Amino acid sequence: MIKKAIRMKVYADKHEEYKKRHDEIWPELEQSIKEHGCKSYSIWLDEENNLLFAYLEIEDEDRWGQLSKTAINQKWWMYMKDVMETNEDDSPVTLSLNNVFNI
């Protein structure tokens, strides 16, 4: 199992909307995430700094990387671009975090 952590940023006035959209995640997106080898995916919000911390456990980097090419994932990105920082292709601006400690 590969453990990944990333940081993203939500707009200050969009915290509730971000949570609402994830509470109502599309079933076909959730299925696609699982089909691309994700066994666990959690996101936390640092409300003071508008930062999102995501933790994922995936089976394979290449398989996981294919998710971004799916129509459902790209549709989700377009849906989310008004609540968070995004790149020109509507993907979230992300920063991969390095694991420095485990117990």
PDB file of N, CA and C in Angstrom:
ATOM      1  N   MET A   1       0.841  -1.172   0.000  1.00  0.00           N
ATOM      2  CA  MET A   1       0.000   0.000   0.000  1.00  0.00           C
ATOM      3  C   MET A   1       0.893   1.245   0.000  1.00  0.00           C
ATOM      4  N   ILE A   2       0.550   2.193  -0.839  1.00  0.00           N
ATOM      5  CA  ILE A   2       1.283   3.451  -0.943  1.00  0.00           C
ATOM      6  C   ILE A   2       0.493   4.525  -0.204  1.00  0.00           C
ATOM      7  N   LYS A   3       1.146   5.206   0.718  1.00  0.00           N
ATOM      8  CA  LYS A   3       0.518   6.288   1.469  1.00  0.00           C
ATOM      9  C   LYS A   3       0.896   7.615   0.840  1.00  0.00           C
ATOM     10  N   LYS A   4      -0.102   8.476   0.627  1.00  0.00           N
ATOM     11  CA  LYS A   4       0.134   9.788   0.020  1.00  0.00           C
ATOM     12  C   LYS A   4      -0.537  10.852   0.875  1.00  0.00           C
ATOM     13  N   ALA A   5       0.074  12.009   0.932  1.00  0.00           N
ATOM     14  CA  ALA A   5      -0.528  13.156   1.600  1.00  0.00           C
ATOM     15  C   ALA A   5      -0.335  14.366   0.702  1.00  0.00           C
ATOM     16  N   ILE A   6      -1.387  15.151   0.555  1.00  0.00           N
ATOM     17  CA  ILE A   6      -1.305  16.360  -0.265  1.00  0.00           C
ATOM     18  C   ILE A   6      -1.992  17.515   0.441  1.00  0.00           C
ATOM     19  N   ARG A   7      -1.593  18.710   0.048  1.00  0.00           N
ATOM     20  CA  ARG A   7      -2.195  19.931   0.575  1.00  0.00           C
ATOM     21  C   ARG A   7      -2.861  20.664  -0.581  1.00  0.00           C
ATOM     22  N   MET A   8      -4.026  21.198  -0.312  1.00  0.00           N
ATOM     23  CA  MET A   8      -4.761  22.016  -1.278  1.00  0.00           C
ATOM     24  C   MET A   8      -5.281  23.239  -0.529  1.00  0.00           C
ATOM     25  N   LYS A   9      -5.942  24.142  -1.243  1.00  0.00           N
ATOM     26  CA  LYS A   9      -6.460  25.340  -0.584  1.00  0.00           C
ATOM     27  C   LYS A   9      -7.880  25.618  -1.046  1.00  0.00           C
ATOM     28  N   VAL A  10      -8.756  25.823  -0.061  1.00  0.00           N
ATOM     29  CA  VAL A  10     -10.148  26.177  -0.314  1.00  0.00           C
ATOM     30  C   VAL A  10     -10.307  27.680  -0.067  1.00  0.00           C
ATOM     31  N   TYR A  11     -11.195  28.316  -0.805  1.00  0.00           N
ATOM     32  CA  TYR A  11     -11.418  29.750  -0.601  1.00  0.00           C
ATOM     33  C   TYR A  11     -12.066  29.979   0.768  1.00  0.00           C
ATOM     34  N   ALA A  12     -11.686  31.077   1.407  1.00  0.00           N
ATOM     35  CA  ALA A  12     -12.098  31.366   2.787  1.00  0.00           C
ATOM     36  C   ALA A  12     -13.615  31.353   2.972  1.00  0.00           C
ATOM     37  N   ASP A  13     -14.343  31.811   2.000  1.00  0.00           N
ATOM     38  CA  ASP A  13     -15.803  31.879   2.132  1.00  0.00           C
ATOM     39  C   ASP A  13     -16.512  30.637   1.586  1.00  0.00           C
ATOM     40  N   LYS A  14     -15.761  29.588   1.295  1.00  0.00           N
ATOM     41  CA  LYS A  14     -16.342  28.391   0.671  1.00  0.00           C
ATOM     42  C   LYS A  14     -16.175  27.112   1.502  1.00  0.00           C
ATOM     43  N   HIS A  15     -15.822  27.236   2.761  1.00  0.00           N
ATOM     44  CA  HIS A  15     -15.612  26.059   3.610  1.00  0.00           C
ATOM     45  C   HIS A  15     -16.860  25.170   3.651  1.00  0.00           C
ATOM     46  N   GLU A  16     -18.001  25.773   3.935  1.00  0.00           N
ATOM     47  CA  GLU A  16     -19.236  25.000   4.059  1.00  0.00           C
ATOM     48  C   GLU A  16     -19.615  24.354   2.732  1.00  0.00           C
ATOM     49  N   GLU A  17     -19.470  25.090   1.649  1.00  0.00           N
ATOM     50  CA  GLU A  17     -19.818  24.554   0.335  1.00  0.00           C
ATOM     51  C   GLU A  17     -18.891  23.393  -0.037  1.00  0.00           C
ATOM     52  N   TYR A  18     -17.617  23.528   0.265  1.00  0.00           N
ATOM     53  CA  TYR A  18     -16.665  22.448  -0.011  1.00  0.00           C
ATOM     54  C   TYR A  18     -17.089  21.175   0.716  1.00  0.00           C
ATOM     55  N   LYS A  19     -17.404  21.309   2.002  1.00  0.00           N
ATOM     56  CA  LYS A  19     -17.833  20.147   2.786  1.00  0.00           C
ATOM     57  C   LYS A  19     -19.134  19.573   2.240  1.00  0.00           C
ATOM     58  N   LYS A  20     -20.088  20.429   1.918  1.00  0.00           N
ATOM     59  CA  LYS A  20     -21.372  19.975   1.394  1.00  0.00           C
ATOM     60  C   LYS A  20     -21.184  19.150   0.120  1.00  0.00           C
ATOM     61  N   ARG A  21     -20.361  19.626  -0.775  1.00  0.00           N
ATOM     62  CA  ARG A  21     -20.148  18.905  -2.030  1.00  0.00           C
ATOM     63  C   ARG A  21     -19.507  17.542  -1.795  1.00  0.00           C
ATOM     64  N   HIS A  22     -18.621  17.454  -0.813  1.00  0.00           N
ATOM     65  CA  HIS A  22     -18.012  16.166  -0.517  1.00  0.00           C
ATOM     66  C   HIS A  22     -18.965  15.255   0.257  1.00  0.00           C
ATOM     67  N   ASP A  23     -19.833  15.832   1.064  1.00  0.00           N
ATOM     68  CA  ASP A  23     -20.858  15.024   1.736  1.00  0.00           C
ATOM     69  C   ASP A  23     -21.795  14.385   0.711  1.00  0.00           C
ATOM     70  N   GLU A  24     -21.944  15.049  -0.430  1.00  0.00           N
ATOM     71  CA  GLU A  24     -22.838  14.585  -1.492  1.00  0.00           C
ATOM     72  C   GLU A  24     -22.052  14.084  -2.707  1.00  0.00           C
ATOM     73  N   ILE A  25     -20.873  13.522  -2.465  1.00  0.00           N
ATOM     74  CA  ILE A  25     -20.014  13.080  -3.573  1.00  0.00           C
ATOM     75  C   ILE A  25     -20.806  12.175  -4.517  1.00  0.00           C
ATOM     76  N   TRP A  26     -20.570  12.356  -5.790  1.00  0.00           N
ATOM     77  CA  TRP A  26     -21.278  11.571  -6.796  1.00  0.00           C
ATOM     78  C   TRP A  26     -20.883  10.101  -6.678  1.00  0.00           C
ATOM     79  N   PRO A  27     -21.846   9.203  -6.655  1.00  0.00           N
ATOM     80  CA  PRO A  27     -21.528   7.769  -6.545  1.00  0.00           C
ATOM     81  C   PRO A  27     -20.596   7.284  -7.656  1.00  0.00           C
ATOM     82  N   GLU A  28     -20.766   7.797  -8.869  1.00  0.00           N
ATOM     83  CA  GLU A  28     -19.912   7.344  -9.965  1.00  0.00           C
ATOM     84  C   GLU A  28     -18.469   7.828  -9.795  1.00  0.00           C
ATOM     85  N   LEU A  29     -18.270   8.967  -9.137  1.00  0.00           N
ATOM     86  CA  LEU A  29     -16.916   9.429  -8.844  1.00  0.00           C
ATOM     87  C   LEU A  29     -16.294   8.558  -7.759  1.00  0.00           C
ATOM     88  N   GLU A  30     -17.052   8.292  -6.717  1.00  0.00           N
ATOM     89  CA  GLU A  30     -16.543   7.426  -5.648  1.00  0.00           C
ATOM     90  C   GLU A  30     -16.158   6.056  -6.199  1.00  0.00           C
ATOM     91  N   GLN A  31     -16.989   5.508  -7.077  1.00  0.00           N
ATOM     92  CA  GLN A  31     -16.692   4.211  -7.683  1.00  0.00           C
ATOM     93  C   GLN A  31     -15.410   4.275  -8.513  1.00  0.00           C
ATOM     94  N   SER A  32     -15.247   5.350  -9.275  1.00  0.00           N
ATOM     95  CA  SER A  32     -14.057   5.505 -10.110  1.00  0.00           C
ATOM     96  C   SER A  32     -12.795   5.622  -9.256  1.00  0.00           C
ATOM     97  N   ILE A  33     -12.884   6.341  -8.152  1.00  0.00           N
ATOM     98  CA  ILE A  33     -11.751   6.463  -7.228  1.00  0.00           C
ATOM     99  C   ILE A  33     -11.338   5.075  -6.739  1.00  0.00           C
ATOM    100  N   LYS A  34     -12.306   4.273  -6.348  1.00  0.00           N
ATOM    101  CA  LYS A  34     -12.023   2.919  -5.870  1.00  0.00           C
ATOM    102  C   LYS A  34     -11.464   2.047  -6.994  1.00  0.00           C
ATOM    103  N   GLU A  35     -12.036   2.173  -8.185  1.00  0.00           N
ATOM    104  CA  GLU A  35     -11.568   1.374  -9.320  1.00  0.00           C
ATOM    105  C   GLU A  35     -10.130   1.711  -9.706  1.00  0.00           C
ATOM    106  N   HIS A  36      -9.681   2.903  -9.360  1.00  0.00           N
ATOM    107  CA  HIS A  36      -8.311   3.302  -9.663  1.00  0.00           C
ATOM    108  C   HIS A  36      -7.348   3.018  -8.503  1.00  0.00           C
ATOM    109  N   GLY A  37      -7.781   2.135  -7.597  1.00  0.00           N
ATOM    110  CA  GLY A  37      -6.879   1.595  -6.587  1.00  0.00           C
ATOM    111  C   GLY A  37      -6.789   2.353  -5.283  1.00  0.00           C
ATOM    112  N   CYS A  38      -7.730   3.254  -5.030  1.00  0.00           N
ATOM    113  CA  CYS A  38      -7.705   3.990  -3.763  1.00  0.00           C
ATOM    114  C   CYS A  38      -8.476   3.194  -2.713  1.00  0.00           C
ATOM    115  N   LYS A  39      -7.795   2.857  -1.638  1.00  0.00           N
ATOM    116  CA  LYS A  39      -8.409   2.089  -0.559  1.00  0.00           C
ATOM    117  C   LYS A  39      -8.908   2.975   0.579  1.00  0.00           C
ATOM    118  N   SER A  40      -8.358   4.161   0.690  1.00  0.00           N
ATOM    119  CA  SER A  40      -8.746   5.089   1.749  1.00  0.00           C
ATOM    120  C   SER A  40      -8.437   6.507   1.276  1.00  0.00           C
ATOM    121  N   TYR A  41      -9.363   7.432   1.537  1.00  0.00           N
ATOM    122  CA  TYR A  41      -9.164   8.827   1.120  1.00  0.00           C
ATOM    123  C   TYR A  41      -9.871   9.708   2.136  1.00  0.00           C
ATOM    124  N   SER A  42      -9.119  10.522   2.841  1.00  0.00           N
ATOM    125  CA  SER A  42      -9.673  11.435   3.836  1.00  0.00           C
ATOM    126  C   SER A  42      -9.143  12.836   3.583  1.00  0.00           C
ATOM    127  N   ILE A  43      -9.986  13.831   3.855  1.00  0.00           N
ATOM    128  CA  ILE A  43      -9.584  15.235   3.710  1.00  0.00           C
ATOM    129  C   ILE A  43      -9.949  15.965   4.994  1.00  0.00           C
ATOM    130  N   TRP A  44      -9.001  16.757   5.506  1.00  0.00           N
ATOM    131  CA  TRP A  44      -9.230  17.605   6.676  1.00  0.00           C
ATOM    132  C   TRP A  44      -9.078  19.061   6.266  1.00  0.00           C
ATOM    133  N   LEU A  45      -9.790  19.937   6.983  1.00  0.00           N
ATOM    134  CA  LEU A  45      -9.740  21.368   6.714  1.00  0.00           C
ATOM    135  C   LEU A  45      -9.113  22.107   7.890  1.00  0.00           C
ATOM    136  N   ASP A  46      -8.110  22.915   7.601  1.00  0.00           N
ATOM    137  CA  ASP A  46      -7.536  23.865   8.561  1.00  0.00           C
ATOM    138  C   ASP A  46      -8.260  25.183   8.297  1.00  0.00           C
ATOM    139  N   GLU A  47      -9.294  25.463   9.071  1.00  0.00           N
ATOM    140  CA  GLU A  47     -10.149  26.624   8.829  1.00  0.00           C
ATOM    141  C   GLU A  47      -9.408  27.948   8.983  1.00  0.00           C
ATOM    142  N   GLU A  48      -8.422  27.983   9.848  1.00  0.00           N
ATOM    143  CA  GLU A  48      -7.679  29.218  10.092  1.00  0.00           C
ATOM    144  C   GLU A  48      -6.872  29.638   8.862  1.00  0.00           C
ATOM    145  N   ASN A  49      -6.334  28.668   8.138  1.00  0.00           N
ATOM    146  CA  ASN A  49      -5.473  28.959   6.991  1.00  0.00           C
ATOM    147  C   ASN A  49      -6.083  28.582   5.650  1.00  0.00           C
ATOM    148  N   ASN A  50      -7.313  28.066   5.663  1.00  0.00           N
ATOM    149  CA  ASN A  50      -8.017  27.642   4.443  1.00  0.00           C
ATOM    150  C   ASN A  50      -7.303  26.521   3.715  1.00  0.00           C
ATOM    151  N   LEU A  51      -6.554  25.733   4.448  1.00  0.00           N
ATOM    152  CA  LEU A  51      -5.786  24.646   3.846  1.00  0.00           C
ATOM    153  C   LEU A  51      -6.505  23.313   4.019  1.00  0.00           C
ATOM    154  N   LEU A  52      -6.431  22.501   2.987  1.00  0.00           N
ATOM    155  CA  LEU A  52      -6.973  21.157   3.007  1.00  0.00           C
ATOM    156  C   LEU A  52      -5.804  20.179   3.066  1.00  0.00           C
ATOM    157  N   PHE A  53      -5.916  19.184   3.909  1.00  0.00           N
ATOM    158  CA  PHE A  53      -4.919  18.131   3.997  1.00  0.00           C
ATOM    159  C   PHE A  53      -5.606  16.832   3.601  1.00  0.00           C
ATOM    160  N   ALA A  54      -5.106  16.184   2.565  1.00  0.00           N
ATOM    161  CA  ALA A  54      -5.683  14.924   2.115  1.00  0.00           C
ATOM    162  C   ALA A  54      -4.698  13.795   2.364  1.00  0.00           C
ATOM    163  N   TYR A  55      -5.228  12.682   2.846  1.00  0.00           N
ATOM    164  CA  TYR A  55      -4.436  11.471   3.072  1.00  0.00           C
ATOM    165  C   TYR A  55      -5.078  10.342   2.277  1.00  0.00           C
ATOM    166  N   LEU A  56      -4.265   9.665   1.461  1.00  0.00           N
ATOM    167  CA  LEU A  56      -4.751   8.592   0.609  1.00  0.00           C
ATOM    168  C   LEU A  56      -3.900   7.351   0.774  1.00  0.00           C
ATOM    169  N   GLU A  57      -4.520   6.219   0.607  1.00  0.00           N
ATOM    170  CA  GLU A  57      -3.809   4.950   0.502  1.00  0.00           C
ATOM    171  C   GLU A  57      -4.211   4.341  -0.832  1.00  0.00           C
ATOM    172  N   ILE A  58      -3.210   4.150  -1.695  1.00  0.00           N
ATOM    173  CA  ILE A  58      -3.461   3.638  -3.036  1.00  0.00           C
ATOM    174  C   ILE A  58      -2.655   2.376  -3.288  1.00  0.00           C
ATOM    175  N   GLU A  59      -3.063   1.622  -4.292  1.00  0.00           N
ATOM    176  CA  GLU A  59      -2.363   0.386  -4.624  1.00  0.00           C
ATOM    177  C   GLU A  59      -1.187   0.607  -5.557  1.00  0.00           C
ATOM    178  N   ASP A  60      -1.321   1.554  -6.494  1.00  0.00           N
ATOM    179  CA  ASP A  60      -0.323   1.708  -7.542  1.00  0.00           C
ATOM    180  C   ASP A  60      -0.361   3.146  -8.072  1.00  0.00           C
ATOM    181  N   GLU A  61       0.793   3.782  -8.178  1.00  0.00           N
ATOM    182  CA  GLU A  61       0.867   5.178  -8.649  1.00  0.00           C
ATOM    183  C   GLU A  61       0.351   5.338 -10.082  1.00  0.00           C
ATOM    184  N   ASP A  62       0.733   4.428 -10.969  1.00  0.00           N
ATOM    185  CA  ASP A  62       0.319   4.548 -12.365  1.00  0.00           C
ATOM    186  C   ASP A  62      -1.194   4.415 -12.505  1.00  0.00           C
ATOM    187  N   ARG A  63      -1.748   3.423 -11.833  1.00  0.00           N
ATOM    188  CA  ARG A  63      -3.207   3.223 -11.857  1.00  0.00           C
ATOM    189  C   ARG A  63      -3.918   4.443 -11.289  1.00  0.00           C
ATOM    190  N   TRP A  64      -3.441   4.952 -10.176  1.00  0.00           N
ATOM    191  CA  TRP A  64      -4.029   6.139  -9.559  1.00  0.00           C
ATOM    192  C   TRP A  64      -3.932   7.339 -10.498  1.00  0.00           C
ATOM    193  N   GLY A  65      -2.817   7.485 -11.172  1.00  0.00           N
ATOM    194  CA  GLY A  65      -2.605   8.592 -12.088  1.00  0.00           C
ATOM    195  C   GLY A  65      -3.584   8.613 -13.249  1.00  0.00           C
ATOM    196  N   GLN A  66      -4.134   7.471 -13.605  1.00  0.00           N
ATOM    197  CA  GLN A  66      -5.095   7.392 -14.707  1.00  0.00           C
ATOM    198  C   GLN A  66      -6.447   8.009 -14.351  1.00  0.00           C
ATOM    199  N   LEU A  67      -6.731   8.144 -13.061  1.00  0.00           N
ATOM    200  CA  LEU A  67      -8.001   8.732 -12.628  1.00  0.00           C
ATOM    201  C   LEU A  67      -8.189  10.133 -13.196  1.00  0.00           C
ATOM    202  N   SER A  68      -7.123  10.908 -13.233  1.00  0.00           N
ATOM    203  CA  SER A  68      -7.222  12.296 -13.690  1.00  0.00           C
ATOM    204  C   SER A  68      -7.660  12.398 -15.151  1.00  0.00           C
ATOM    205  N   LYS A  69      -7.537  11.331 -15.906  1.00  0.00           N
ATOM    206  CA  LYS A  69      -7.909  11.333 -17.323  1.00  0.00           C
ATOM    207  C   LYS A  69      -9.364  10.944 -17.560  1.00  0.00           C
ATOM    208  N   THR A  70     -10.057  10.529 -16.507  1.00  0.00           N
ATOM    209  CA  THR A  70     -11.439  10.091 -16.684  1.00  0.00           C
ATOM    210  C   THR A  70     -12.388  11.282 -16.796  1.00  0.00           C
ATOM    211  N   ALA A  71     -13.460  11.089 -17.542  1.00  0.00           N
ATOM    212  CA  ALA A  71     -14.455  12.149 -17.736  1.00  0.00           C
ATOM    213  C   ALA A  71     -15.102  12.553 -16.412  1.00  0.00           C
ATOM    214  N   ILE A  72     -15.390  11.579 -15.541  1.00  0.00           N
ATOM    215  CA  ILE A  72     -16.055  11.898 -14.275  1.00  0.00           C
ATOM    216  C   ILE A  72     -15.147  12.720 -13.376  1.00  0.00           C
ATOM    217  N   ASN A  73     -13.862  12.428 -13.370  1.00  0.00           N
ATOM    218  CA  ASN A  73     -12.928  13.195 -12.548  1.00  0.00           C
ATOM    219  C   ASN A  73     -12.790  14.619 -13.083  1.00  0.00           C
ATOM    220  N   GLN A  74     -12.707  14.772 -14.381  1.00  0.00           N
ATOM    221  CA  GLN A  74     -12.590  16.105 -14.973  1.00  0.00           C
ATOM    222  C   GLN A  74     -13.867  16.917 -14.757  1.00  0.00           C
ATOM    223  N   LYS A  75     -15.010  16.232 -14.781  1.00  0.00           N
ATOM    224  CA  LYS A  75     -16.285  16.905 -14.481  1.00  0.00           C
ATOM    225  C   LYS A  75     -16.292  17.401 -13.032  1.00  0.00           C
ATOM    226  N   TRP A  76     -15.752  16.594 -12.102  1.00  0.00           N
ATOM    227  CA  TRP A  76     -15.662  16.978 -10.685  1.00  0.00           C
ATOM    228  C   TRP A  76     -14.761  18.198 -10.522  1.00  0.00           C
ATOM    229  N   TRP A  77     -13.624  18.171 -11.201  1.00  0.00           N
ATOM    230  CA  TRP A  77     -12.722  19.320 -11.119  1.00  0.00           C
ATOM    231  C   TRP A  77     -13.436  20.599 -11.555  1.00  0.00           C
ATOM    232  N   MET A  78     -14.178  20.539 -12.645  1.00  0.00           N
ATOM    233  CA  MET A  78     -14.891  21.716 -13.132  1.00  0.00           C
ATOM    234  C   MET A  78     -15.927  22.182 -12.104  1.00  0.00           C
ATOM    235  N   TYR A  79     -16.595  21.218 -11.484  1.00  0.00           N
ATOM    236  CA  TYR A  79     -17.595  21.494 -10.462  1.00  0.00           C
ATOM    237  C   TYR A  79     -16.973  22.160  -9.230  1.00  0.00           C
ATOM    238  N   MET A  80     -15.738  21.803  -8.910  1.00  0.00           N
ATOM    239  CA  MET A  80     -15.090  22.301  -7.693  1.00  0.00           C
ATOM    240  C   MET A  80     -14.278  23.580  -7.892  1.00  0.00           C
ATOM    241  N   LYS A  81     -14.045  24.004  -9.111  1.00  0.00           N
ATOM    242  CA  LYS A  81     -13.112  25.111  -9.343  1.00  0.00           C
ATOM    243  C   LYS A  81     -13.570  26.444  -8.753  1.00  0.00           C
ATOM    244  N   ASP A  82     -14.841  26.596  -8.444  1.00  0.00           N
ATOM    245  CA  ASP A  82     -15.299  27.859  -7.856  1.00  0.00           C
ATOM    246  C   ASP A  82     -15.143  27.905  -6.338  1.00  0.00           C
ATOM    247  N   VAL A  83     -14.706  26.789  -5.727  1.00  0.00           N
ATOM    248  CA  VAL A  83     -14.548  26.779  -4.272  1.00  0.00           C
ATOM    249  C   VAL A  83     -13.108  26.594  -3.805  1.00  0.00           C
ATOM    250  N   MET A  84     -12.193  26.348  -4.752  1.00  0.00           N
ATOM    251  CA  MET A  84     -10.812  26.099  -4.349  1.00  0.00           C
ATOM    252  C   MET A  84      -9.833  26.547  -5.423  1.00  0.00           C
ATOM    253  N   GLU A  85      -8.576  26.680  -5.026  1.00  0.00           N
ATOM    254  CA  GLU A  85      -7.541  27.059  -5.989  1.00  0.00           C
ATOM    255  C   GLU A  85      -7.343  25.937  -6.990  1.00  0.00           C
ATOM    256  N   THR A  86      -7.314  26.306  -8.282  1.00  0.00           N
ATOM    257  CA  THR A  86      -7.160  25.310  -9.337  1.00  0.00           C
ATOM    258  C   THR A  86      -6.138  25.760 -10.378  1.00  0.00           C
ATOM    259  N   ASN A  87      -5.671  24.784 -11.130  1.00  0.00           N
ATOM    260  CA  ASN A  87      -4.774  25.028 -12.249  1.00  0.00           C
ATOM    261  C   ASN A  87      -5.591  25.357 -13.497  1.00  0.00           C
ATOM    262  N   GLU A  88      -4.912  25.672 -14.588  1.00  0.00           N
ATOM    263  CA  GLU A  88      -5.590  26.013 -15.840  1.00  0.00           C
ATOM    264  C   GLU A  88      -6.481  24.885 -16.360  1.00  0.00           C
ATOM    265  N   ASP A  89      -6.130  23.629 -16.059  1.00  0.00           N
ATOM    266  CA  ASP A  89      -6.944  22.494 -16.508  1.00  0.00           C
ATOM    267  C   ASP A  89      -8.054  22.141 -15.516  1.00  0.00           C
ATOM    268  N   ASP A  90      -8.315  23.019 -14.551  1.00  0.00           N
ATOM    269  CA  ASP A  90      -9.324  22.871 -13.498  1.00  0.00           C
ATOM    270  C   ASP A  90      -8.926  21.903 -12.392  1.00  0.00           C
ATOM    271  N   SER A  91      -7.781  21.243 -12.488  1.00  0.00           N
ATOM    272  CA  SER A  91      -7.329  20.359 -11.417  1.00  0.00           C
ATOM    273  C   SER A  91      -6.969  21.202 -10.197  1.00  0.00           C
ATOM    274  N   PRO A  92      -7.146  20.659  -9.001  1.00  0.00           N
ATOM    275  CA  PRO A  92      -6.772  21.406  -7.810  1.00  0.00           C
ATOM    276  C   PRO A  92      -5.267  21.669  -7.772  1.00  0.00           C
ATOM    277  N   VAL A  93      -4.908  22.835  -7.301  1.00  0.00           N
ATOM    278  CA  VAL A  93      -3.490  23.102  -7.036  1.00  0.00           C
ATOM    279  C   VAL A  93      -3.127  22.244  -5.829  1.00  0.00           C
ATOM    280  N   THR A  94      -2.142  21.377  -5.992  1.00  0.00           N
ATOM    281  CA  THR A  94      -1.760  20.480  -4.909  1.00  0.00           C
ATOM    282  C   THR A  94      -0.283  20.564  -4.627  1.00  0.00           C
ATOM    283  N   LEU A  95       0.058  20.268  -3.410  1.00  0.00           N
ATOM    284  CA  LEU A  95       1.442  20.164  -2.993  1.00  0.00           C
ATOM    285  C   LEU A  95       1.578  18.815  -2.294  1.00  0.00           C
ATOM    286  N   SER A  96       2.420  17.958  -2.832  1.00  0.00           N
ATOM    287  CA  SER A  96       2.663  16.651  -2.190  1.00  0.00           C
ATOM    288  C   SER A  96       3.487  16.874  -0.930  1.00  0.00           C
ATOM    289  N   LEU A  97       3.098  16.189   0.116  1.00  0.00           N
ATOM    290  CA  LEU A  97       3.803  16.312   1.395  1.00  0.00           C
ATOM    291  C   LEU A  97       4.670  15.076   1.609  1.00  0.00           C
ATOM    292  N   ASN A  98       5.832  15.287   2.181  1.00  0.00           N
ATOM    293  CA  ASN A  98       6.754  14.192   2.470  1.00  0.00           C
ATOM    294  C   ASN A  98       6.486  13.627   3.846  1.00  0.00           C
ATOM    295  N   ASN A  99       6.449  12.325   3.937  1.00  0.00           N
ATOM    296  CA  ASN A  99       6.278  11.652   5.215  1.00  0.00           C
ATOM    297  C   ASN A  99       7.591  11.717   5.980  1.00  0.00           C
ATOM    298  N   VAL A 100       7.540  12.224   7.199  1.00  0.00           N
ATOM    299  CA  VAL A 100       8.765  12.346   7.988  1.00  0.00           C
ATOM    300  C   VAL A 100       8.711  11.584   9.312  1.00  0.00           C
ATOM    301  N   PHE A 101       7.556  10.976   9.628  1.00  0.00           N
ATOM    302  CA  PHE A 101       7.475  10.266  10.897  1.00  0.00           C
ATOM    303  C   PHE A 101       6.289   9.288  10.872  1.00  0.00           C
ATOM    304  N   ASN A 102       6.504   8.113  11.444  1.00  0.00           N
ATOM    305  CA  ASN A 102       5.442   7.100  11.590  1.00  0.00           C
ATOM    306  C   ASN A 102       5.639   6.357  12.896  1.00  0.00           C
ATOM    307  N   ILE A 103       4.547   5.925  13.472  1.00  0.00           N
ATOM    308  CA  ILE A 103       4.588   4.971  14.588  1.00  0.00           C
ATOM    309  C   ILE A 103       3.742   3.791  14.150  1.00  0.00           C
TER     310      ILE A 103
END
